[in-house]
Amino acid sequence: MIGRNVLIELMHMAAGIVLALAMAWGASWAVPLARGDIWLVVAFVIAAILLMGVEPLRHAAEADQRAMGAGQRR
């Protein structure tokens, strides 16, 4: 089961990706000649969001495991 902290981290990552896509859509609409470059940069930005989210996600999973372990001991 996904814990509360992991869910929060996943929501932050999803929000970052949605925002990056929205900004890219607006930029590619505003500058049609740069559309290919904009989407290339956005692909790297999404990859960076995912890579930068790995460590916080791991910490969140550990925190959830500790919280579940503390709840079972009671």
C-alpha atoms as a PDB file:
ATOM      1  CA  MET A   1       0.000   0.000   0.000  1.00  0.00           C
ATOM      2  CA  ILE A   2       1.202   3.502  -0.775  1.00  0.00           C
ATOM      3  CA  GLY A   3       1.792   5.560   2.338  1.00  0.00           C
ATOM      4  CA  ARG A   4       0.798   9.154   2.903  1.00  0.00           C
ATOM      5  CA  ASN A   5       4.323  10.562   2.479  1.00  0.00           C
ATOM      6  CA  VAL A   6       4.931   8.649  -0.750  1.00  0.00           C
ATOM      7  CA  LEU A   7       1.600   9.838  -2.116  1.00  0.00           C
ATOM      8  CA  ILE A   8       2.503  13.449  -1.327  1.00  0.00           C
ATOM      9  CA  GLU A   9       5.866  13.100  -3.111  1.00  0.00           C
ATOM     10  CA  LEU A  10       4.205  11.514  -6.139  1.00  0.00           C
ATOM     11  CA  MET A  11       1.681  14.371  -6.242  1.00  0.00           C
ATOM     12  CA  HIS A  12       4.526  16.924  -6.169  1.00  0.00           C
ATOM     13  CA  MET A  13       6.243  15.156  -9.047  1.00  0.00           C
ATOM     14  CA  ALA A  14       2.997  14.959 -11.022  1.00  0.00           C
ATOM     15  CA  ALA A  15       2.317  18.647 -10.410  1.00  0.00           C
ATOM     16  CA  GLY A  16       5.796  19.534 -11.668  1.00  0.00           C
ATOM     17  CA  ILE A  17       5.326  17.479 -14.820  1.00  0.00           C
ATOM     18  CA  VAL A  18       1.870  18.939 -15.508  1.00  0.00           C
ATOM     19  CA  LEU A  19       3.197  22.462 -15.006  1.00  0.00           C
ATOM     20  CA  ALA A  20       6.173  21.809 -17.303  1.00  0.00           C
ATOM     21  CA  LEU A  21       3.836  20.447 -19.989  1.00  0.00           C
ATOM     22  CA  ALA A  22       1.490  23.436 -19.653  1.00  0.00           C
ATOM     23  CA  MET A  23       4.370  25.888 -19.920  1.00  0.00           C
ATOM     24  CA  ALA A  24       5.764  24.031 -22.938  1.00  0.00           C
ATOM     25  CA  TRP A  25       2.380  24.041 -24.611  1.00  0.00           C
ATOM     26  CA  GLY A  26       2.095  27.805 -24.089  1.00  0.00           C
ATOM     27  CA  ALA A  27       5.634  28.428 -25.274  1.00  0.00           C
ATOM     28  CA  SER A  28       5.230  26.270 -28.371  1.00  0.00           C
ATOM     29  CA  TRP A  29       1.988  28.051 -29.183  1.00  0.00           C
ATOM     30  CA  ALA A  30       3.675  31.452 -28.780  1.00  0.00           C
ATOM     31  CA  VAL A  31       6.799  30.566 -30.772  1.00  0.00           C
ATOM     32  CA  PRO A  32       5.822  27.981 -33.390  1.00  0.00           C
ATOM     33  CA  LEU A  33       9.252  28.020 -35.074  1.00  0.00           C
ATOM     34  CA  ALA A  34      10.875  26.759 -31.871  1.00  0.00           C
ATOM     35  CA  ARG A  35       8.286  24.045 -31.218  1.00  0.00           C
ATOM     36  CA  GLY A  36      10.735  21.162 -31.686  1.00  0.00           C
ATOM     37  CA  ASP A  37      13.349  22.703 -29.415  1.00  0.00           C
ATOM     38  CA  ILE A  38      10.788  23.549 -26.740  1.00  0.00           C
ATOM     39  CA  TRP A  39       9.498  19.972 -26.568  1.00  0.00           C
ATOM     40  CA  LEU A  40      13.065  18.636 -26.529  1.00  0.00           C
ATOM     41  CA  VAL A  41      13.874  20.831 -23.539  1.00  0.00           C
ATOM     42  CA  VAL A  42      10.644  19.792 -21.830  1.00  0.00           C
ATOM     43  CA  ALA A  43      11.586  16.136 -22.267  1.00  0.00           C
ATOM     44  CA  PHE A  44      14.842  16.820 -20.405  1.00  0.00           C
ATOM     45  CA  VAL A  45      12.980  18.817 -17.757  1.00  0.00           C
ATOM     46  CA  ILE A  46      10.579  15.933 -17.146  1.00  0.00           C
ATOM     47  CA  ALA A  47      13.509  13.531 -16.907  1.00  0.00           C
ATOM     48  CA  ALA A  48      15.138  15.881 -14.375  1.00  0.00           C
ATOM     49  CA  ILE A  49      11.910  16.078 -12.351  1.00  0.00           C
ATOM     50  CA  LEU A  50      11.744  12.294 -12.219  1.00  0.00           C
ATOM     51  CA  LEU A  51      15.426  11.880 -11.349  1.00  0.00           C
ATOM     52  CA  MET A  52      15.345  14.583  -8.688  1.00  0.00           C
ATOM     53  CA  GLY A  53      12.243  12.999  -7.188  1.00  0.00           C
ATOM     54  CA  VAL A  54      13.876   9.606  -6.576  1.00  0.00           C
ATOM     55  CA  GLU A  55      15.693  10.535  -3.359  1.00  0.00           C
ATOM     56  CA  PRO A  56      12.742  12.325  -1.708  1.00  0.00           C
ATOM     57  CA  LEU A  57      10.532   9.422  -2.741  1.00  0.00           C
ATOM     58  CA  ARG A  58      12.917   6.962  -1.111  1.00  0.00           C
ATOM     59  CA  HIS A  59      12.961   9.009   2.094  1.00  0.00           C
ATOM     60  CA  ALA A  60       9.167   9.212   2.053  1.00  0.00           C
ATOM     61  CA  ALA A  61       8.909   5.437   1.660  1.00  0.00           C
ATOM     62  CA  GLU A  62      11.255   4.942   4.611  1.00  0.00           C
ATOM     63  CA  ALA A  63       9.212   7.364   6.712  1.00  0.00           C
ATOM     64  CA  ASP A  64       6.017   5.515   5.821  1.00  0.00           C
ATOM     65  CA  GLN A  65       7.601   2.182   6.734  1.00  0.00           C
ATOM     66  CA  ARG A  66       8.718   3.590  10.086  1.00  0.00           C
ATOM     67  CA  ALA A  67       5.221   4.965  10.709  1.00  0.00           C
ATOM     68  CA  MET A  68       3.606   1.630   9.853  1.00  0.00           C
ATOM     69  CA  GLY A  69       6.086  -0.207  12.057  1.00  0.00           C
ATOM     70  CA  ALA A  70       5.382   2.109  14.967  1.00  0.00           C
ATOM     71  CA  GLY A  71       1.648   1.612  14.497  1.00  0.00           C
ATOM     72  CA  GLN A  72       1.950  -2.182  14.554  1.00  0.00           C
ATOM     73  CA  ARG A  73       3.904  -2.204  17.817  1.00  0.00           C
ATOM     74  CA  ARG A  74       1.081  -0.585  19.759  1.00  0.00           C
END
